[in-house]
C-alpha atoms as a PDB file:
ATOM      1  CA  MET A   1     -23.193   1.413 -12.261  1.00  0.00           C
ATOM      2  CA  LYS A   2     -22.487  -0.384 -15.432  1.00  0.00           C
ATOM      3  CA  LYS A   3     -20.990  -3.732 -15.429  1.00  0.00           C
ATOM      4  CA  GLU A   4     -17.241  -4.403 -16.626  1.00  0.00           C
ATOM      5  CA  LYS A   5     -16.265  -7.230 -18.299  1.00  0.00           C
ATOM      6  CA  PHE A   6     -13.173  -8.885 -17.310  1.00  0.00           C
ATOM      7  CA  LYS A   7     -10.578 -12.075 -17.871  1.00  0.00           C
ATOM      8  CA  ILE A   8      -8.945 -14.103 -14.799  1.00  0.00           C
ATOM      9  CA  LEU A   9      -5.220 -14.380 -15.924  1.00  0.00           C
ATOM     10  CA  GLY A  10      -4.565 -16.377 -12.994  1.00  0.00           C
ATOM     11  CA  ARG A  11      -4.466 -16.843  -9.256  1.00  0.00           C
ATOM     12  CA  PHE A  12      -1.604 -17.299  -6.738  1.00  0.00           C
ATOM     13  CA  ARG A  13      -0.727 -18.596  -3.408  1.00  0.00           C
ATOM     14  CA  ASP A  14       2.505 -17.725  -1.638  1.00  0.00           C
ATOM     15  CA  GLU A  15       3.438 -20.296   1.190  1.00  0.00           C
ATOM     16  CA  ASP A  16       2.327 -18.248   4.227  1.00  0.00           C
ATOM     17  CA  GLY A  17      -1.573 -18.398   2.593  1.00  0.00           C
ATOM     18  CA  THR A  18      -1.560 -15.057   0.965  1.00  0.00           C
ATOM     19  CA  GLU A  19      -3.013 -14.707  -2.318  1.00  0.00           C
ATOM     20  CA  LYS A  20      -2.967 -12.691  -5.805  1.00  0.00           C
ATOM     21  CA  PHE A  21      -5.626 -12.519  -8.305  1.00  0.00           C
ATOM     22  CA  VAL A  22      -4.492 -10.765 -11.643  1.00  0.00           C
ATOM     23  CA  PHE A  23      -7.354  -9.508 -13.814  1.00  0.00           C
ATOM     24  CA  LYS A  24      -7.433  -8.293 -17.597  1.00  0.00           C
ATOM     25  CA  VAL A  25      -9.821  -5.670 -18.071  1.00  0.00           C
ATOM     26  CA  LEU A  26     -10.466  -3.460 -21.137  1.00  0.00           C
ATOM     27  CA  ARG A  27      -7.783  -0.476 -19.753  1.00  0.00           C
ATOM     28  CA  GLY A  28      -5.621  -2.668 -18.445  1.00  0.00           C
ATOM     29  CA  ILE A  29      -4.320  -4.746 -15.942  1.00  0.00           C
ATOM     30  CA  ILE A  30      -5.598  -5.066 -11.810  1.00  0.00           C
ATOM     31  CA  GLU A  31      -3.549  -7.127  -9.168  1.00  0.00           C
ATOM     32  CA  VAL A  32      -5.614  -8.083  -6.018  1.00  0.00           C
ATOM     33  CA  THR A  33      -3.779  -9.607  -3.036  1.00  0.00           C
ATOM     34  CA  TRP A  34      -5.820 -11.275  -0.401  1.00  0.00           C
ATOM     35  CA  ILE A  35      -4.091 -11.211   2.660  1.00  0.00           C
ATOM     36  CA  LYS A  36      -5.596 -13.467   4.955  1.00  0.00           C
ATOM     37  CA  ASN A  37      -6.551 -12.607   8.939  1.00  0.00           C
ATOM     38  CA  LYS A  38      -7.741 -14.832  11.894  1.00  0.00           C
ATOM     39  CA  ASN A  39      -9.793 -12.316  12.915  1.00  0.00           C
ATOM     40  CA  GLY A  40     -12.649 -12.772  10.604  1.00  0.00           C
ATOM     41  CA  ILE A  41     -10.820  -9.691   8.170  1.00  0.00           C
ATOM     42  CA  ALA A  42     -10.257 -10.386   4.999  1.00  0.00           C
ATOM     43  CA  VAL A  43      -7.441  -7.531   3.904  1.00  0.00           C
ATOM     44  CA  PHE A  44      -7.269  -6.805   0.434  1.00  0.00           C
ATOM     45  CA  CYS A  45      -4.259  -4.711  -1.120  1.00  0.00           C
ATOM     46  CA  LEU A  46      -5.876  -2.994  -3.806  1.00  0.00           C
ATOM     47  CA  PRO A  47      -4.339  -0.900  -6.808  1.00  0.00           C
ATOM     48  CA  THR A  48      -5.592   2.554  -7.964  1.00  0.00           C
ATOM     49  CA  HIS A  49      -3.388   2.754 -11.544  1.00  0.00           C
ATOM     50  CA  HIS A  50      -3.023  -0.375 -14.269  1.00  0.00           C
ATOM     51  CA  TYR A  51       0.367   0.826 -14.271  1.00  0.00           C
ATOM     52  CA  CYS A  52       2.866   3.009 -12.423  1.00  0.00           C
ATOM     53  CA  ASN A  53       5.629   5.421 -13.730  1.00  0.00           C
ATOM     54  CA  LEU A  54       6.087   7.653 -11.275  1.00  0.00           C
ATOM     55  CA  GLY A  55       9.947   5.836 -10.555  1.00  0.00           C
ATOM     56  CA  CYS A  56       9.981   4.943  -7.060  1.00  0.00           C
ATOM     57  CA  LYS A  57      14.035   3.594  -6.978  1.00  0.00           C
ATOM     58  CA  PHE A  58      12.902   0.776  -4.778  1.00  0.00           C
ATOM     59  CA  CYS A  59      10.040  -0.666  -6.663  1.00  0.00           C
ATOM     60  CA  HIS A  60      10.185  -4.286  -8.336  1.00  0.00           C
ATOM     61  CA  LEU A  61       8.391  -3.063 -11.702  1.00  0.00           C
ATOM     62  CA  THR A  62       9.012   1.163 -11.944  1.00  0.00           C
ATOM     63  CA  GLY A  63      12.683   1.763 -10.317  1.00  0.00           C
ATOM     64  CA  LYS A  64      14.360   2.590 -14.188  1.00  0.00           C
ATOM     65  CA  GLY A  65      10.885   4.022 -14.971  1.00  0.00           C
ATOM     66  CA  ALA A  66       9.046   2.962 -18.140  1.00  0.00           C
ATOM     67  CA  ASN A  67       7.354   3.878 -20.897  1.00  0.00           C
ATOM     68  CA  ILE A  68       3.843   3.086 -20.389  1.00  0.00           C
ATOM     69  CA  LYS A  69       0.713   5.513 -19.623  1.00  0.00           C
ATOM     70  CA  MET A  70      -0.159   5.283 -15.811  1.00  0.00           C
ATOM     71  CA  VAL A  71      -3.610   4.611 -16.461  1.00  0.00           C
ATOM     72  CA  PRO A  72      -6.169   5.376 -13.062  1.00  0.00           C
ATOM     73  CA  ILE A  73      -8.887   2.080 -12.305  1.00  0.00           C
ATOM     74  CA  SER A  74     -12.203   2.605 -12.504  1.00  0.00           C
ATOM     75  CA  ALA A  75     -14.553   1.913  -9.943  1.00  0.00           C
ATOM     76  CA  GLU A  76     -16.845  -0.341 -12.199  1.00  0.00           C
ATOM     77  CA  SER A  77     -13.259  -2.459 -13.096  1.00  0.00           C
ATOM     78  CA  LEU A  78     -11.975  -2.961  -9.285  1.00  0.00           C
ATOM     79  CA  ILE A  79     -15.796  -3.539  -8.095  1.00  0.00           C
ATOM     80  CA  ALA A  80     -16.258  -5.961 -10.594  1.00  0.00           C
ATOM     81  CA  ALA A  81     -13.133  -7.794  -9.860  1.00  0.00           C
ATOM     82  CA  LEU A  82     -13.529  -7.286  -5.803  1.00  0.00           C
ATOM     83  CA  LYS A  83     -17.037  -8.466  -6.330  1.00  0.00           C
ATOM     84  CA  TRP A  84     -16.168 -11.767  -7.883  1.00  0.00           C
ATOM     85  CA  ILE A  85     -13.317 -12.599  -5.167  1.00  0.00           C
ATOM     86  CA  ILE A  86     -15.946 -11.704  -2.224  1.00  0.00           C
ATOM     87  CA  ASP A  87     -18.713 -13.786  -3.618  1.00  0.00           C
ATOM     88  CA  SER A  88     -16.647 -16.743  -4.556  1.00  0.00           C
ATOM     89  CA  TYR A  89     -13.804 -16.823  -1.584  1.00  0.00           C
ATOM     90  CA  ILE A  90     -15.093 -14.754   1.543  1.00  0.00           C
ATOM     91  CA  HIS A  91     -16.490 -15.698   4.419  1.00  0.00           C
ATOM     92  CA  ASP A  92     -15.338 -13.379   6.995  1.00  0.00           C
ATOM     93  CA  GLY A  93     -17.687 -10.501   7.973  1.00  0.00           C
ATOM     94  CA  LYS A  94     -15.047  -7.851   8.175  1.00  0.00           C
ATOM     95  CA  LEU A  95     -13.373  -6.130   4.622  1.00  0.00           C
ATOM     96  CA  LEU A  96     -10.209  -4.472   5.035  1.00  0.00           C
ATOM     97  CA  PHE A  97      -9.547  -2.367   1.767  1.00  0.00           C
ATOM     98  CA  CYS A  98      -5.751  -0.995   1.488  1.00  0.00           C
ATOM     99  CA  PHE A  99      -4.739   1.043  -1.674  1.00  0.00           C
ATOM    100  CA  MET A 100      -1.180   0.511  -1.835  1.00  0.00           C
ATOM    101  CA  GLY A 101      -0.526  -1.500  -4.624  1.00  0.00           C
ATOM    102  CA  VAL A 102       0.129  -0.044  -8.122  1.00  0.00           C
ATOM    103  CA  GLY A 103       0.096   3.515  -8.355  1.00  0.00           C
ATOM    104  CA  GLU A 104      -0.047   6.193  -5.948  1.00  0.00           C
ATOM    105  CA  PRO A 105      -4.257   6.365  -4.398  1.00  0.00           C
ATOM    106  CA  PHE A 106      -3.720  10.563  -3.987  1.00  0.00           C
ATOM    107  CA  LEU A 107      -3.932  10.716  -7.737  1.00  0.00           C
ATOM    108  CA  ASN A 108      -7.508   8.206  -7.965  1.00  0.00           C
ATOM    109  CA  ILE A 109      -8.923   9.756  -4.761  1.00  0.00           C
ATOM    110  CA  ASN A 110     -12.224   9.251  -5.990  1.00  0.00           C
ATOM    111  CA  LEU A 111     -11.215   5.346  -6.381  1.00  0.00           C
ATOM    112  CA  VAL A 112     -11.217   4.897  -2.565  1.00  0.00           C
ATOM    113  CA  PHE A 113     -14.669   6.895  -1.990  1.00  0.00           C
ATOM    114  CA  GLN A 114     -16.398   5.147  -4.513  1.00  0.00           C
ATOM    115  CA  ILE A 115     -14.941   1.195  -3.188  1.00  0.00           C
ATOM    116  CA  TYR A 116     -16.228   2.604   0.188  1.00  0.00           C
ATOM    117  CA  ASP A 117     -19.518   3.710  -0.875  1.00  0.00           C
ATOM    118  CA  TYR A 118     -20.473   0.906  -2.791  1.00  0.00           C
ATOM    119  CA  PHE A 119     -19.499  -1.528  -0.725  1.00  0.00           C
ATOM    120  CA  LYS A 120     -20.900   0.455   1.913  1.00  0.00           C
ATOM    121  CA  LYS A 121     -24.376   0.207   0.563  1.00  0.00           C
ATOM    122  CA  ASN A 122     -24.340  -3.173  -0.927  1.00  0.00           C
ATOM    123  CA  THR A 123     -22.841  -5.594   1.486  1.00  0.00           C
ATOM    124  CA  ASP A 124     -23.316  -6.019   5.130  1.00  0.00           C
ATOM    125  CA  LYS A 125     -20.236  -6.737   6.103  1.00  0.00           C
ATOM    126  CA  ILE A 126     -18.426  -4.142   7.967  1.00  0.00           C
ATOM    127  CA  ILE A 127     -15.922  -2.197   6.342  1.00  0.00           C
ATOM    128  CA  SER A 128     -12.852   0.211   6.563  1.00  0.00           C
ATOM    129  CA  LEU A 129     -10.042   1.742   4.572  1.00  0.00           C
ATOM    130  CA  ALA A 130      -6.326   2.504   4.200  1.00  0.00           C
ATOM    131  CA  LEU A 131      -4.000   3.690   1.889  1.00  0.00           C
ATOM    132  CA  ALA A 132      -0.388   4.240   1.500  1.00  0.00           C
ATOM    133  CA  SER A 133       0.682   7.749  -0.125  1.00  0.00           C
ATOM    134  CA  MET A 134       4.254   9.254  -0.981  1.00  0.00           C
ATOM    135  CA  MET A 135       2.343  12.763  -1.717  1.00  0.00           C
ATOM    136  CA  LEU A 136      -0.238  13.700   0.458  1.00  0.00           C
ATOM    137  CA  ALA A 137      -1.067  16.041  -2.000  1.00  0.00           C
ATOM    138  CA  PRO A 138      -2.763  19.579  -0.999  1.00  0.00           C
ATOM    139  CA  ALA A 139      -6.281  18.858  -2.656  1.00  0.00           C
ATOM    140  CA  PRO A 140      -7.006  15.337  -1.976  1.00  0.00           C
ATOM    141  CA  PHE A 141      -6.064  15.650   1.839  1.00  0.00           C
ATOM    142  CA  GLU A 142      -8.492  18.186   2.108  1.00  0.00           C
ATOM    143  CA  ARG A 143     -11.636  16.000   0.356  1.00  0.00           C
ATOM    144  CA  ILE A 144     -10.330  12.703   3.025  1.00  0.00           C
ATOM    145  CA  THR A 145     -10.669  15.352   5.929  1.00  0.00           C
ATOM    146  CA  LYS A 146     -14.175  16.752   4.461  1.00  0.00           C
ATOM    147  CA  LYS A 147     -15.382  13.450   3.907  1.00  0.00           C
ATOM    148  CA  VAL A 148     -14.184  12.110   7.393  1.00  0.00           C
ATOM    149  CA  LYS A 149     -15.720  15.267   8.930  1.00  0.00           C
ATOM    150  CA  GLN A 150     -19.426  14.584   7.121  1.00  0.00           C
ATOM    151  CA  GLU A 151     -19.290  10.822   6.852  1.00  0.00           C
ATOM    152  CA  ASN A 152     -17.135   9.494   9.496  1.00  0.00           C
ATOM    153  CA  LEU A 153     -14.947   7.988   6.685  1.00  0.00           C
ATOM    154  CA  PRO A 154     -12.847   5.062   8.658  1.00  0.00           C
ATOM    155  CA  LEU A 155      -9.579   5.737   6.786  1.00  0.00           C
ATOM    156  CA  LYS A 156      -6.111   5.440   7.800  1.00  0.00           C
ATOM    157  CA  ILE A 157      -2.827   6.980   6.312  1.00  0.00           C
ATOM    158  CA  HIS A 158       0.524   5.545   5.717  1.00  0.00           C
ATOM    159  CA  PHE A 159       2.758   7.699   5.207  1.00  0.00           C
ATOM    160  CA  SER A 160       5.427   6.582   2.703  1.00  0.00           C
ATOM    161  CA  LEU A 161       8.542   8.468   4.077  1.00  0.00           C
ATOM    162  CA  HIS A 162      11.758   6.140   3.285  1.00  0.00           C
ATOM    163  CA  SER A 163      14.402   9.004   3.788  1.00  0.00           C
ATOM    164  CA  PRO A 164      14.314  12.286   6.389  1.00  0.00           C
ATOM    165  CA  SER A 165      16.385  13.875   3.891  1.00  0.00           C
ATOM    166  CA  ASP A 166      14.085  15.896   1.064  1.00  0.00           C
ATOM    167  CA  LYS A 167      16.875  15.765  -1.238  1.00  0.00           C
ATOM    168  CA  THR A 168      17.723  11.821  -0.542  1.00  0.00           C
ATOM    169  CA  ARG A 169      13.690  11.203  -0.852  1.00  0.00           C
ATOM    170  CA  LYS A 170      13.493  12.888  -3.987  1.00  0.00           C
ATOM    171  CA  GLU A 171      16.195  11.045  -5.099  1.00  0.00           C
ATOM    172  CA  ILE A 172      14.518   7.692  -4.290  1.00  0.00           C
ATOM    173  CA  ILE A 173      11.038   8.648  -5.227  1.00  0.00           C
ATOM    174  CA  PRO A 174      11.250  11.578  -7.926  1.00  0.00           C
ATOM    175  CA  SER A 175       7.641  12.281  -8.133  1.00  0.00           C
ATOM    176  CA  ALA A 176       7.397  12.781  -4.581  1.00  0.00           C
ATOM    177  CA  PRO A 177       5.878  16.536  -4.848  1.00  0.00           C
ATOM    178  CA  THR A 178       5.893  18.620  -1.353  1.00  0.00           C
ATOM    179  CA  THR A 179       8.739  18.340   1.275  1.00  0.00           C
ATOM    180  CA  ILE A 180       8.640  16.300   4.274  1.00  0.00           C
ATOM    181  CA  SER A 181       7.592  19.067   6.857  1.00  0.00           C
ATOM    182  CA  GLU A 182       4.417  19.629   4.745  1.00  0.00           C
ATOM    183  CA  CYS A 183       3.382  16.417   4.403  1.00  0.00           C
ATOM    184  CA  LEU A 184       3.956  15.666   8.603  1.00  0.00           C
ATOM    185  CA  GLU A 185       1.936  18.574   9.604  1.00  0.00           C
ATOM    186  CA  LYS A 186      -0.639  17.176   7.254  1.00  0.00           C
ATOM    187  CA  LEU A 187      -0.029  13.562   9.176  1.00  0.00           C
ATOM    188  CA  LYS A 188      -0.181  14.936  12.487  1.00  0.00           C
ATOM    189  CA  ASN A 189      -3.603  17.220  11.495  1.00  0.00           C
ATOM    190  CA  TYR A 190      -5.119  14.125  10.322  1.00  0.00           C
ATOM    191  CA  GLN A 191      -4.458  12.387  13.721  1.00  0.00           C
ATOM    192  CA  ASP A 192      -5.993  15.107  15.620  1.00  0.00           C
ATOM    193  CA  ILE A 193      -8.954  15.447  13.693  1.00  0.00           C
ATOM    194  CA  VAL A 194      -9.387  11.835  13.675  1.00  0.00           C
ATOM    195  CA  SER A 195      -8.367  11.087  17.191  1.00  0.00           C
ATOM    196  CA  THR A 196     -11.550  12.876  18.554  1.00  0.00           C
ATOM    197  CA  ASN A 197     -14.305  10.850  16.444  1.00  0.00           C
ATOM    198  CA  GLN A 198     -15.374   8.001  18.690  1.00  0.00           C
ATOM    199  CA  THR A 199     -16.760   6.083  15.685  1.00  0.00           C
ATOM    200  CA  ILE A 200     -14.011   6.139  13.390  1.00  0.00           C
ATOM    201  CA  ILE A 201     -11.271   5.146  16.051  1.00  0.00           C
ATOM    202  CA  LYS A 202     -14.353   2.363  16.961  1.00  0.00           C
ATOM    203  CA  ASN A 203     -13.847   1.253  13.481  1.00  0.00           C
ATOM    204  CA  LEU A 204     -10.255   1.739  12.670  1.00  0.00           C
ATOM    205  CA  SER A 205      -9.899  -0.648  16.358  1.00  0.00           C
ATOM    206  CA  GLN A 206     -11.928  -3.557  14.962  1.00  0.00           C
ATOM    207  CA  PHE A 207      -9.370  -4.211  12.078  1.00  0.00           C
ATOM    208  CA  HIS A 208      -5.877  -2.704  13.516  1.00  0.00           C
ATOM    209  CA  LYS A 209      -4.377  -3.884  16.640  1.00  0.00           C
ATOM    210  CA  HIS A 210      -3.319  -0.255  16.769  1.00  0.00           C
ATOM    211  CA  PRO A 211      -5.804   1.968  15.422  1.00  0.00           C
ATOM    212  CA  ASP A 212      -3.985   5.183  15.279  1.00  0.00           C
ATOM    213  CA  PRO A 213      -5.125   7.045  12.084  1.00  0.00           C
ATOM    214  CA  VAL A 214      -1.657   7.708  11.031  1.00  0.00           C
ATOM    215  CA  GLU A 215       1.149   5.727  10.560  1.00  0.00           C
ATOM    216  CA  ILE A 216       4.637   6.378   8.776  1.00  0.00           C
ATOM    217  CA  HIS A 217       6.688   3.726   6.895  1.00  0.00           C
ATOM    218  CA  TYR A 218      10.425   3.447   6.346  1.00  0.00           C
ATOM    219  CA  THR A 219      12.562   0.918   4.610  1.00  0.00           C
ATOM    220  CA  VAL A 220      15.688   0.609   6.028  1.00  0.00           C
ATOM    221  CA  ILE A 221      18.118  -0.019   2.287  1.00  0.00           C
ATOM    222  CA  ASP A 222      21.518  -0.277   2.619  1.00  0.00           C
ATOM    223  CA  GLY A 223      23.888   2.655   1.518  1.00  0.00           C
ATOM    224  CA  ILE A 224      20.830   5.058   0.605  1.00  0.00           C
ATOM    225  CA  ASN A 225      19.205   5.790   4.370  1.00  0.00           C
ATOM    226  CA  ASP A 226      20.414   4.092   6.710  1.00  0.00           C
ATOM    227  CA  GLY A 227      23.378   6.428   8.536  1.00  0.00           C
ATOM    228  CA  ASP A 228      23.235   6.926  11.921  1.00  0.00           C
ATOM    229  CA  LYS A 229      22.511  10.803  10.867  1.00  0.00           C
ATOM    230  CA  ASP A 230      19.046   9.389   9.270  1.00  0.00           C
ATOM    231  CA  LEU A 231      18.810   7.620  12.232  1.00  0.00           C
ATOM    232  CA  ALA A 232      18.858  10.628  14.536  1.00  0.00           C
ATOM    233  CA  LYS A 233      16.418  12.338  12.632  1.00  0.00           C
ATOM    234  CA  ILE A 234      14.486  10.098  12.303  1.00  0.00           C
ATOM    235  CA  ILE A 235      14.082   9.971  15.939  1.00  0.00           C
ATOM    236  CA  GLU A 236      13.835  13.781  16.008  1.00  0.00           C
ATOM    237  CA  ILE A 237      10.729  13.266  13.685  1.00  0.00           C
ATOM    238  CA  GLY A 238       9.003  10.893  16.131  1.00  0.00           C
ATOM    239  CA  LYS A 239       9.224  13.064  19.005  1.00  0.00           C
ATOM    240  CA  LYS A 240       8.290  16.040  17.694  1.00  0.00           C
ATOM    241  CA  TYR A 241       5.537  14.811  16.065  1.00  0.00           C
ATOM    242  CA  LYS A 242       3.840  11.810  18.029  1.00  0.00           C
ATOM    243  CA  ILE A 243       2.972  10.056  14.462  1.00  0.00           C
ATOM    244  CA  PRO A 244       3.435   5.626  15.255  1.00  0.00           C
ATOM    245  CA  LEU A 245       6.406   4.354  12.751  1.00  0.00           C
ATOM    246  CA  LYS A 246       6.725   0.952  10.827  1.00  0.00           C
ATOM    247  CA  ILE A 247       9.340  -0.404   9.692  1.00  0.00           C
ATOM    248  CA  LEU A 248       8.783  -2.976   6.521  1.00  0.00           C
ATOM    249  CA  LYS A 249      11.508  -5.372   5.609  1.00  0.00           C
ATOM    250  CA  PHE A 250      12.850  -4.296   2.084  1.00  0.00           C
ATOM    251  CA  ASN A 251      12.535  -6.578  -0.545  1.00  0.00           C
ATOM    252  CA  PRO A 252      15.953  -6.367  -2.539  1.00  0.00           C
ATOM    253  CA  THR A 253      15.649  -5.162  -6.186  1.00  0.00           C
ATOM    254  CA  GLU A 254      18.332  -5.753  -8.619  1.00  0.00           C
ATOM    255  CA  SER A 255      20.589  -2.966  -7.506  1.00  0.00           C
ATOM    256  CA  LEU A 256      19.262  -2.087  -3.853  1.00  0.00           C
ATOM    257  CA  ASN A 257      19.917  -4.357  -0.906  1.00  0.00           C
ATOM    258  CA  ARG A 258      17.912  -4.799   2.884  1.00  0.00           C
ATOM    259  CA  SER A 259      20.150  -3.205   4.873  1.00  0.00           C
ATOM    260  CA  PRO A 260      21.873  -5.048   8.138  1.00  0.00           C
ATOM    261  CA  ARG A 261      21.139  -2.307  10.045  1.00  0.00           C
ATOM    262  CA  THR A 262      17.211  -2.762  10.027  1.00  0.00           C
ATOM    263  CA  GLU A 263      17.353  -4.694  13.629  1.00  0.00           C
ATOM    264  CA  PHE A 264      19.460  -1.850  15.094  1.00  0.00           C
ATOM    265  CA  TRP A 265      17.566   0.782  13.783  1.00  0.00           C
ATOM    266  CA  PHE A 266      14.266  -1.244  15.182  1.00  0.00           C
ATOM    267  CA  ASN A 267      15.832  -1.762  18.654  1.00  0.00           C
ATOM    268  CA  GLU A 268      16.977   2.116  18.728  1.00  0.00           C
ATOM    269  CA  LEU A 269      13.894   3.577  17.358  1.00  0.00           C
ATOM    270  CA  SER A 270      12.180   1.422  19.813  1.00  0.00           C
ATOM    271  CA  LYS A 271      14.042   3.120  22.898  1.00  0.00           C
ATOM    272  CA  ASP A 272      13.875   6.955  21.708  1.00  0.00           C
ATOM    273  CA  TYR A 273      11.633   7.720  19.238  1.00  0.00           C
ATOM    274  CA  GLY A 274       8.899   8.762  21.201  1.00  0.00           C
ATOM    275  CA  ALA A 275       5.825   6.720  19.784  1.00  0.00           C
ATOM    276  CA  PRO A 276       5.139   3.124  19.199  1.00  0.00           C
ATOM    277  CA  VAL A 277       7.325   1.166  16.232  1.00  0.00           C
ATOM    278  CA  TYR A 278       7.076  -1.988  14.570  1.00  0.00           C
ATOM    279  CA  LEU A 279       9.063  -4.133  12.541  1.00  0.00           C
ATOM    280  CA  TYR A 280       7.057  -5.741  10.006  1.00  0.00           C
ATOM    281  CA  ALA A 281       7.963  -8.051   6.978  1.00  0.00           C
ATOM    282  CA  PRO A 282       4.846  -8.280   4.573  1.00  0.00           C
ATOM    283  CA  PRO A 283       3.282 -11.029   3.484  1.00  0.00           C
ATOM    284  CA  GLY A 284       3.069 -13.090   0.208  1.00  0.00           C
ATOM    285  CA  PRO A 285       6.371 -11.760  -0.663  1.00  0.00           C
ATOM    286  CA  ASN A 286       7.354 -14.559  -3.204  1.00  0.00           C
ATOM    287  CA  ILE A 287       4.252 -13.159  -5.037  1.00  0.00           C
ATOM    288  CA  GLY A 288       4.694 -10.013  -5.116  1.00  0.00           C
ATOM    289  CA  SER A 289       1.532  -8.940  -2.819  1.00  0.00           C
ATOM    290  CA  SER A 290       2.802  -5.596  -1.719  1.00  0.00           C
ATOM    291  CA  CYS A 291       3.143  -2.279  -2.623  1.00  0.00           C
ATOM    292  CA  GLY A 292       5.897  -2.188  -5.370  1.00  0.00           C
ATOM    293  CA  GLN A 293       6.093  -5.499  -6.391  1.00  0.00           C
ATOM    294  CA  PHE A 294       4.084  -7.165  -9.126  1.00  0.00           C
ATOM    295  CA  THR A 295       3.900  -9.640 -11.348  1.00  0.00           C
ATOM    296  CA  LYS A 296       6.081  -8.044 -14.213  1.00  0.00           C
ATOM    297  CA  HIS A 297       5.145 -10.656 -17.124  1.00  0.00           C
ATOM    298  CA  TYR A 298       1.408  -9.257 -17.095  1.00  0.00           C
ATOM    299  CA  TYR A 299       2.418  -6.083 -17.420  1.00  0.00           C
ATOM    300  CA  LEU A 300       5.614  -6.080 -19.497  1.00  0.00           C
ATOM    301  CA  GLY A 301       5.596  -9.172 -20.973  1.00  0.00           C
ATOM    302  CA  SER A 302       9.160 -10.926 -21.163  1.00  0.00           C
ATOM    303  CA  ASN A 303      11.814  -9.394 -23.119  1.00  0.00           C
ATOM    304  CA  SER A 304      14.408 -12.550 -23.027  1.00  0.00           C
ATOM    305  CA  PRO A 305      13.682 -16.301 -23.037  1.00  0.00           C
ATOM    306  CA  GLU A 306      15.707 -16.248 -19.730  1.00  0.00           C
ATOM    307  CA  GLU A 307      12.749 -14.096 -18.309  1.00  0.00           C
ATOM    308  CA  LEU A 308      10.160 -16.071 -20.091  1.00  0.00           C
ATOM    309  CA  LYS A 309      11.248 -19.065 -18.220  1.00  0.00           C
ATOM    310  CA  GLU A 310      11.667 -17.340 -15.024  1.00  0.00           C
ATOM    311  CA  PHE A 311       8.430 -16.472 -15.030  1.00  0.00           C
ATOM    312  CA  LYS A 312       6.957 -19.880 -16.158  1.00  0.00           C
ATOM    313  CA  ALA A 313       8.696 -21.709 -13.591  1.00  0.00           C
ATOM    314  CA  TRP A 314       7.887 -18.889 -10.863  1.00  0.00           C
ATOM    315  CA  LYS A 315       3.754 -19.535 -12.672  1.00  0.00           C
ATOM    316  CA  LYS A 316       4.463 -23.324 -12.179  1.00  0.00           C
ATOM    317  CA  LYS A 317       4.797 -23.134  -8.392  1.00  0.00           C
ATOM    318  CA  TYR A 318       2.789 -20.584  -7.192  1.00  0.00           C
ATOM    319  CA  GLU A 319      -0.681 -20.315  -9.526  1.00  0.00           C
ATOM    320  CA  ILE A 320      -3.608 -22.626  -7.583  1.00  0.00           C
ATOM    321  CA  ALA A 321      -6.847 -23.137  -9.775  1.00  0.00           C
ATOM    322  CA  VAL A 322      -9.516 -20.493  -9.951  1.00  0.00           C
END
């Protein structure tokens, strides 16, 4: 594998200790978030693309869409960035690579496999994988299932649902290509396959409090997906598929707000959903560490003096020495 040249544009630390590293490589920007874990696990939130133009309405970068090419990240580039961080700062014995950053993992599934294969071969640390997908496209899903069966691939899949209605989901996730029922059937099938593989379950148990191989993600957004009918449909999904549900506390955008019903939803679902339900506040909210939240300036630059001033103030507050 050829060596990749990169430049470190910044290292940022949030108040909860979460860190973000921003790299510039030949083809674009790579942001790697390091979420610190007290159990000897280094968790990395990783991108699969240098930019994302899929236009999800709740995205902090591309909610309105942008005329920028969506370029897949090469394994050489991401490995170079990860190796630099791991060699410089990581002393944990376990590495969890979560592909939940810029882009859609199912549009660059080779990257997920290549990262796992490289670090499995070139480190003595225990490796596990996770990815968040809004697509669950058939061809990549078949490849994942095949690799799981052949190589005991320790991969947890998080399905970005965000609405129980195909119509509403298409409005807020316009690039989602398959129906909700099709995605849930795939998830259930994957759950059934992996749950009988004790090697994978043992691995997942070391990295996750709840080692189920699949999980549904849902952000409760005010006036978009937080109605009583939505809640009833989610309860039906839980009773039918028995797939754990994680409610993510939404970090508001310019036009969308966190629903005041989030806590109510959690309480109701905890009683009636039919599978485990978790309420989760993603770490590092001030440095844009979660899926769909990026350091905009490095991707888009500043379109006004006000934006540049805001960026400089943010940089001064959160940047730390490399």
